[in-house]
Amino acid sequence: MAKVTKDTIILDVLTMDAGTAPFFLEIGMHCLGCPSASGESIAEACAVHGADADALVAKLNEYLENK
């Protein structure tokens, strides 16, 4: 499985595994189907939502590695 980075596009993460959606929802990214998610990186989205991109990336990678 590919590693997620802060530069990974949100839609790409969701395409890898739809089970990642709750990780975005829990930090306030409720519009996962909007056009922004199609082209926005994790870092960009975290900056807009006031979330820690490094922490989110770590959680996503841990989840994906343990699938």
PDB file of N, CA and C in Angstrom:
ATOM      1  N   MET A   1       0.853  -1.181   0.000  1.00  0.00           N
ATOM      2  CA  MET A   1       0.000   0.000   0.000  1.00  0.00           C
ATOM      3  C   MET A   1       0.891   1.234   0.000  1.00  0.00           C
ATOM      4  N   ALA A   2       0.484   2.238  -0.752  1.00  0.00           N
ATOM      5  CA  ALA A   2       1.247   3.474  -0.840  1.00  0.00           C
ATOM      6  C   ALA A   2       1.206   4.241   0.477  1.00  0.00           C
ATOM      7  N   LYS A   3       2.256   4.974   0.734  1.00  0.00           N
ATOM      8  CA  LYS A   3       2.311   5.825   1.920  1.00  0.00           C
ATOM      9  C   LYS A   3       1.623   7.146   1.614  1.00  0.00           C
ATOM     10  N   VAL A   4       0.913   7.656   2.600  1.00  0.00           N
ATOM     11  CA  VAL A   4       0.274   8.957   2.501  1.00  0.00           C
ATOM     12  C   VAL A   4       1.266  10.005   2.998  1.00  0.00           C
ATOM     13  N   THR A   5       1.326  11.144   2.307  1.00  0.00           N
ATOM     14  CA  THR A   5       2.153  12.270   2.737  1.00  0.00           C
ATOM     15  C   THR A   5       1.263  13.500   2.830  1.00  0.00           C
ATOM     16  N   LYS A   6       1.826  14.588   3.312  1.00  0.00           N
ATOM     17  CA  LYS A   6       1.053  15.834   3.393  1.00  0.00           C
ATOM     18  C   LYS A   6       0.677  16.340   2.006  1.00  0.00           C
ATOM     19  N   ASP A   7       1.394  15.898   0.980  1.00  0.00           N
ATOM     20  CA  ASP A   7       1.115  16.331  -0.383  1.00  0.00           C
ATOM     21  C   ASP A   7       0.084  15.448  -1.095  1.00  0.00           C
ATOM     22  N   THR A   8      -0.332  14.370  -0.440  1.00  0.00           N
ATOM     23  CA  THR A   8      -1.310  13.473  -1.049  1.00  0.00           C
ATOM     24  C   THR A   8      -2.661  14.174  -1.131  1.00  0.00           C
ATOM     25  N   ILE A   9      -3.316  14.007  -2.273  1.00  0.00           N
ATOM     26  CA  ILE A   9      -4.635  14.591  -2.494  1.00  0.00           C
ATOM     27  C   ILE A   9      -5.669  13.788  -1.692  1.00  0.00           C
ATOM     28  N   ILE A  10      -6.588  14.496  -1.059  1.00  0.00           N
ATOM     29  CA  ILE A  10      -7.591  13.849  -0.205  1.00  0.00           C
ATOM     30  C   ILE A  10      -8.367  12.780  -0.966  1.00  0.00           C
ATOM     31  N   LEU A  11      -8.790  13.085  -2.185  1.00  0.00           N
ATOM     32  CA  LEU A  11      -9.551  12.107  -2.967  1.00  0.00           C
ATOM     33  C   LEU A  11      -8.731  10.847  -3.219  1.00  0.00           C
ATOM     34  N   ASP A  12      -7.424  10.989  -3.389  1.00  0.00           N
ATOM     35  CA  ASP A  12      -6.564   9.820  -3.589  1.00  0.00           C
ATOM     36  C   ASP A  12      -6.546   8.930  -2.348  1.00  0.00           C
ATOM     37  N   VAL A  13      -6.544   9.548  -1.173  1.00  0.00           N
ATOM     38  CA  VAL A  13      -6.575   8.769   0.073  1.00  0.00           C
ATOM     39  C   VAL A  13      -7.901   8.023   0.173  1.00  0.00           C
ATOM     40  N   LEU A  14      -8.994   8.709  -0.106  1.00  0.00           N
ATOM     41  CA  LEU A  14     -10.316   8.081  -0.032  1.00  0.00           C
ATOM     42  C   LEU A  14     -10.457   6.962  -1.052  1.00  0.00           C
ATOM     43  N   THR A  15      -9.816   7.111  -2.195  1.00  0.00           N
ATOM     44  CA  THR A  15      -9.844   6.068  -3.225  1.00  0.00           C
ATOM     45  C   THR A  15      -9.039   4.850  -2.784  1.00  0.00           C
ATOM     46  N   MET A  16      -7.930   5.084  -2.080  1.00  0.00           N
ATOM     47  CA  MET A  16      -7.126   3.975  -1.544  1.00  0.00           C
ATOM     48  C   MET A  16      -7.967   3.117  -0.616  1.00  0.00           C
ATOM     49  N   ASP A  17      -8.719   3.800   0.254  1.00  0.00           N
ATOM     50  CA  ASP A  17      -9.522   3.081   1.246  1.00  0.00           C
ATOM     51  C   ASP A  17     -10.586   4.032   1.785  1.00  0.00           C
ATOM     52  N   ALA A  18     -11.846   3.736   1.494  1.00  0.00           N
ATOM     53  CA  ALA A  18     -12.948   4.595   1.938  1.00  0.00           C
ATOM     54  C   ALA A  18     -13.046   4.633   3.461  1.00  0.00           C
ATOM     55  N   GLY A  19     -12.439   3.664   4.127  1.00  0.00           N
ATOM     56  CA  GLY A  19     -12.433   3.633   5.580  1.00  0.00           C
ATOM     57  C   GLY A  19     -11.627   4.756   6.204  1.00  0.00           C
ATOM     58  N   THR A  20     -10.925   5.529   5.386  1.00  0.00           N
ATOM     59  CA  THR A  20     -10.166   6.666   5.898  1.00  0.00           C
ATOM     60  C   THR A  20     -11.051   7.888   6.132  1.00  0.00           C
ATOM     61  N   ALA A  21     -12.252   7.889   5.604  1.00  0.00           N
ATOM     62  CA  ALA A  21     -13.145   9.048   5.722  1.00  0.00           C
ATOM     63  C   ALA A  21     -13.320   9.537   7.161  1.00  0.00           C
ATOM     64  N   PRO A  22     -13.528   8.650   8.142  1.00  0.00           N
ATOM     65  CA  PRO A  22     -13.705   9.146   9.514  1.00  0.00           C
ATOM     66  C   PRO A  22     -12.538   9.972  10.048  1.00  0.00           C
ATOM     67  N   PHE A  23     -11.334   9.711   9.578  1.00  0.00           N
ATOM     68  CA  PHE A  23     -10.181  10.482  10.031  1.00  0.00           C
ATOM     69  C   PHE A  23     -10.296  11.939   9.585  1.00  0.00           C
ATOM     70  N   PHE A  24     -10.842  12.146   8.400  1.00  0.00           N
ATOM     71  CA  PHE A  24     -11.055  13.511   7.910  1.00  0.00           C
ATOM     72  C   PHE A  24     -12.244  14.150   8.608  1.00  0.00           C
ATOM     73  N   LEU A  25     -13.299  13.384   8.795  1.00  0.00           N
ATOM     74  CA  LEU A  25     -14.506  13.906   9.433  1.00  0.00           C
ATOM     75  C   LEU A  25     -14.245  14.347  10.871  1.00  0.00           C
ATOM     76  N   GLU A  26     -13.423  13.602  11.587  1.00  0.00           N
ATOM     77  CA  GLU A  26     -13.197  13.929  12.996  1.00  0.00           C
ATOM     78  C   GLU A  26     -12.425  15.223  13.207  1.00  0.00           C
ATOM     79  N   ILE A  27     -11.770  15.729  12.165  1.00  0.00           N
ATOM     80  CA  ILE A  27     -11.088  17.021  12.308  1.00  0.00           C
ATOM     81  C   ILE A  27     -11.833  18.140  11.583  1.00  0.00           C
ATOM     82  N   GLY A  28     -13.089  17.869  11.227  1.00  0.00           N
ATOM     83  CA  GLY A  28     -13.935  18.915  10.665  1.00  0.00           C
ATOM     84  C   GLY A  28     -14.002  18.992   9.160  1.00  0.00           C
ATOM     85  N   MET A  29     -13.406  18.038   8.470  1.00  0.00           N
ATOM     86  CA  MET A  29     -13.478  18.025   7.002  1.00  0.00           C
ATOM     87  C   MET A  29     -14.719  17.237   6.584  1.00  0.00           C
ATOM     88  N   HIS A  30     -15.850  17.923   6.641  1.00  0.00           N
ATOM     89  CA  HIS A  30     -17.119  17.255   6.377  1.00  0.00           C
ATOM     90  C   HIS A  30     -17.526  17.253   4.909  1.00  0.00           C
ATOM     91  N   CYS A  31     -16.817  17.962   4.088  1.00  0.00           N
ATOM     92  CA  CYS A  31     -17.201  18.068   2.680  1.00  0.00           C
ATOM     93  C   CYS A  31     -16.250  17.235   1.809  1.00  0.00           C
ATOM     94  N   LEU A  32     -16.190  15.955   2.085  1.00  0.00           N
ATOM     95  CA  LEU A  32     -15.245  15.095   1.366  1.00  0.00           C
ATOM     96  C   LEU A  32     -15.609  14.902  -0.097  1.00  0.00           C
ATOM     97  N   GLY A  33     -16.851  15.140  -0.450  1.00  0.00           N
ATOM     98  CA  GLY A  33     -17.272  14.977  -1.841  1.00  0.00           C
ATOM     99  C   GLY A  33     -17.222  16.264  -2.636  1.00  0.00           C
ATOM    100  N   CYS A  34     -16.831  17.354  -2.008  1.00  0.00           N
ATOM    101  CA  CYS A  34     -16.828  18.631  -2.717  1.00  0.00           C
ATOM    102  C   CYS A  34     -15.624  18.724  -3.661  1.00  0.00           C
ATOM    103  N   PRO A  35     -15.681  19.633  -4.608  1.00  0.00           N
ATOM    104  CA  PRO A  35     -14.579  19.770  -5.569  1.00  0.00           C
ATOM    105  C   PRO A  35     -13.224  20.028  -4.929  1.00  0.00           C
ATOM    106  N   SER A  36     -13.197  20.687  -3.781  1.00  0.00           N
ATOM    107  CA  SER A  36     -11.909  20.953  -3.124  1.00  0.00           C
ATOM    108  C   SER A  36     -11.192  19.665  -2.778  1.00  0.00           C
ATOM    109  N   ALA A  37     -11.936  18.658  -2.335  1.00  0.00           N
ATOM    110  CA  ALA A  37     -11.321  17.392  -1.954  1.00  0.00           C
ATOM    111  C   ALA A  37     -10.692  16.692  -3.149  1.00  0.00           C
ATOM    112  N   SER A  38     -11.173  16.999  -4.335  1.00  0.00           N
ATOM    113  CA  SER A  38     -10.633  16.363  -5.535  1.00  0.00           C
ATOM    114  C   SER A  38      -9.236  16.856  -5.875  1.00  0.00           C
ATOM    115  N   GLY A  39      -8.909  18.064  -5.470  1.00  0.00           N
ATOM    116  CA  GLY A  39      -7.615  18.599  -5.843  1.00  0.00           C
ATOM    117  C   GLY A  39      -6.803  19.165  -4.701  1.00  0.00           C
ATOM    118  N   GLU A  40      -7.316  19.046  -3.483  1.00  0.00           N
ATOM    119  CA  GLU A  40      -6.650  19.634  -2.328  1.00  0.00           C
ATOM    120  C   GLU A  40      -5.787  18.601  -1.618  1.00  0.00           C
ATOM    121  N   SER A  41      -4.579  19.004  -1.268  1.00  0.00           N
ATOM    122  CA  SER A  41      -3.696  18.097  -0.533  1.00  0.00           C
ATOM    123  C   SER A  41      -4.104  18.063   0.934  1.00  0.00           C
ATOM    124  N   ILE A  42      -3.600  17.081   1.637  1.00  0.00           N
ATOM    125  CA  ILE A  42      -3.857  16.983   3.076  1.00  0.00           C
ATOM    126  C   ILE A  42      -3.334  18.239   3.769  1.00  0.00           C
ATOM    127  N   ALA A  43      -2.155  18.701   3.398  1.00  0.00           N
ATOM    128  CA  ALA A  43      -1.577  19.896   4.017  1.00  0.00           C
ATOM    129  C   ALA A  43      -2.465  21.114   3.791  1.00  0.00           C
ATOM    130  N   GLU A  44      -2.955  21.291   2.575  1.00  0.00           N
ATOM    131  CA  GLU A  44      -3.814  22.437   2.272  1.00  0.00           C
ATOM    132  C   GLU A  44      -5.112  22.380   3.065  1.00  0.00           C
ATOM    133  N   ALA A  45      -5.718  21.212   3.115  1.00  0.00           N
ATOM    134  CA  ALA A  45      -6.978  21.063   3.833  1.00  0.00           C
ATOM    135  C   ALA A  45      -6.784  21.272   5.332  1.00  0.00           C
ATOM    136  N   CYS A  46      -5.699  20.758   5.871  1.00  0.00           N
ATOM    137  CA  CYS A  46      -5.430  20.932   7.302  1.00  0.00           C
ATOM    138  C   CYS A  46      -5.203  22.403   7.632  1.00  0.00           C
ATOM    139  N   ALA A  47      -4.534  23.129   6.755  1.00  0.00           N
ATOM    140  CA  ALA A  47      -4.303  24.555   6.983  1.00  0.00           C
ATOM    141  C   ALA A  47      -5.632  25.307   7.050  1.00  0.00           C
ATOM    142  N   VAL A  48      -6.556  24.961   6.169  1.00  0.00           N
ATOM    143  CA  VAL A  48      -7.865  25.608   6.138  1.00  0.00           C
ATOM    144  C   VAL A  48      -8.688  25.256   7.375  1.00  0.00           C
ATOM    145  N   HIS A  49      -8.560  24.023   7.831  1.00  0.00           N
ATOM    146  CA  HIS A  49      -9.372  23.535   8.952  1.00  0.00           C
ATOM    147  C   HIS A  49      -8.670  23.629  10.304  1.00  0.00           C
ATOM    148  N   GLY A  50      -7.474  24.188  10.334  1.00  0.00           N
ATOM    149  CA  GLY A  50      -6.756  24.360  11.591  1.00  0.00           C
ATOM    150  C   GLY A  50      -6.356  23.037  12.239  1.00  0.00           C
ATOM    151  N   ALA A  51      -6.035  22.055  11.419  1.00  0.00           N
ATOM    152  CA  ALA A  51      -5.666  20.730  11.926  1.00  0.00           C
ATOM    153  C   ALA A  51      -4.170  20.484  11.697  1.00  0.00           C
ATOM    154  N   ASP A  52      -3.620  19.552  12.442  1.00  0.00           N
ATOM    155  CA  ASP A  52      -2.208  19.185  12.347  1.00  0.00           C
ATOM    156  C   ASP A  52      -2.034  18.144  11.232  1.00  0.00           C
ATOM    157  N   ALA A  53      -1.444  18.554  10.130  1.00  0.00           N
ATOM    158  CA  ALA A  53      -1.274  17.668   8.979  1.00  0.00           C
ATOM    159  C   ALA A  53      -0.384  16.470   9.309  1.00  0.00           C
ATOM    160  N   ASP A  54       0.663  16.693  10.086  1.00  0.00           N
ATOM    161  CA  ASP A  54       1.560  15.586  10.441  1.00  0.00           C
ATOM    162  C   ASP A  54       0.829  14.527  11.248  1.00  0.00           C
ATOM    163  N   ALA A  55      -0.013  14.957  12.180  1.00  0.00           N
ATOM    164  CA  ALA A  55      -0.773  14.012  13.002  1.00  0.00           C
ATOM    165  C   ALA A  55      -1.770  13.234  12.151  1.00  0.00           C
ATOM    166  N   LEU A  56      -2.428  13.908  11.223  1.00  0.00           N
ATOM    167  CA  LEU A  56      -3.389  13.228  10.354  1.00  0.00           C
ATOM    168  C   LEU A  56      -2.688  12.213   9.458  1.00  0.00           C
ATOM    169  N   VAL A  57      -1.566  12.598   8.881  1.00  0.00           N
ATOM    170  CA  VAL A  57      -0.810  11.686   8.022  1.00  0.00           C
ATOM    171  C   VAL A  57      -0.370  10.454   8.806  1.00  0.00           C
ATOM    172  N   ALA A  58       0.079  10.656  10.025  1.00  0.00           N
ATOM    173  CA  ALA A  58       0.506   9.526  10.861  1.00  0.00           C
ATOM    174  C   ALA A  58      -0.665   8.581  11.128  1.00  0.00           C
ATOM    175  N   LYS A  59      -1.824   9.126  11.460  1.00  0.00           N
ATOM    176  CA  LYS A  59      -3.011   8.297  11.716  1.00  0.00           C
ATOM    177  C   LYS A  59      -3.427   7.529  10.467  1.00  0.00           C
ATOM    178  N   LEU A  60      -3.426   8.219   9.334  1.00  0.00           N
ATOM    179  CA  LEU A  60      -3.828   7.571   8.080  1.00  0.00           C
ATOM    180  C   LEU A  60      -2.874   6.433   7.723  1.00  0.00           C
ATOM    181  N   ASN A  61      -1.566   6.677   7.843  1.00  0.00           N
ATOM    182  CA  ASN A  61      -0.596   5.641   7.506  1.00  0.00           C
ATOM    183  C   ASN A  61      -0.685   4.451   8.459  1.00  0.00           C
ATOM    184  N   GLU A  62      -0.914   4.725   9.734  1.00  0.00           N
ATOM    185  CA  GLU A  62      -1.064   3.634  10.692  1.00  0.00           C
ATOM    186  C   GLU A  62      -2.295   2.797  10.350  1.00  0.00           C
ATOM    187  N   TYR A  63      -3.381   3.445  10.035  1.00  0.00           N
ATOM    188  CA  TYR A  63      -4.609   2.739   9.652  1.00  0.00           C
ATOM    189  C   TYR A  63      -4.367   1.885   8.397  1.00  0.00           C
ATOM    190  N   LEU A  64      -3.769   2.490   7.380  1.00  0.00           N
ATOM    191  CA  LEU A  64      -3.550   1.782   6.113  1.00  0.00           C
ATOM    192  C   LEU A  64      -2.574   0.623   6.270  1.00  0.00           C
ATOM    193  N   GLU A  65      -1.575   0.768   7.114  1.00  0.00           N
ATOM    194  CA  GLU A  65      -0.599  -0.312   7.340  1.00  0.00           C
ATOM    195  C   GLU A  65      -1.198  -1.490   8.080  1.00  0.00           C
ATOM    196  N   ASN A  66      -2.197  -1.221   8.887  1.00  0.00           N
ATOM    197  CA  ASN A  66      -2.809  -2.283   9.702  1.00  0.00           C
ATOM    198  C   ASN A  66      -4.071  -2.873   9.083  1.00  0.00           C
ATOM    199  N   LYS A  67      -4.303  -2.599   7.831  1.00  0.00           N
ATOM    200  CA  LYS A  67      -5.468  -3.139   7.121  1.00  0.00           C
ATOM    201  C   LYS A  67      -5.193  -4.557   6.704  1.00  0.00           C
TER     202      LYS A  67
END
